[in-house]
Amino acid sequence: MYGCVGTPICCPPQYCVRNYYTPRVVPVIHPVVNVNRYNVVNVPQHVYQPMTTNVVVDPGQGYGGYGGNLGYNRLFF
């Protein structure tokens, strides 16, 4: 036989690994916080307060009831 040697050489085994994957659902929770912000804004509100005054005008004692100033009141002119 072609020159057989006494003891055969034995090599270490070679491995061929086939990886298979199976999906597994793992819940990941992301909390979301909704914030409703109510911002107070100062807005001026104009309030008008009516005021009534009574003014008595004395015409004096002149001609035709107008006094010496022809009916003009010194408070207004």
Foldseek 3Di string as FASTA:
>chain_A
DPDDDDDDDDDDDDDDDDDDDDDDDDDDDDDDDDDDDDDDDDDDDDDDDDDDDDDDDQCDDDPPSNPPPNVDDPVVD
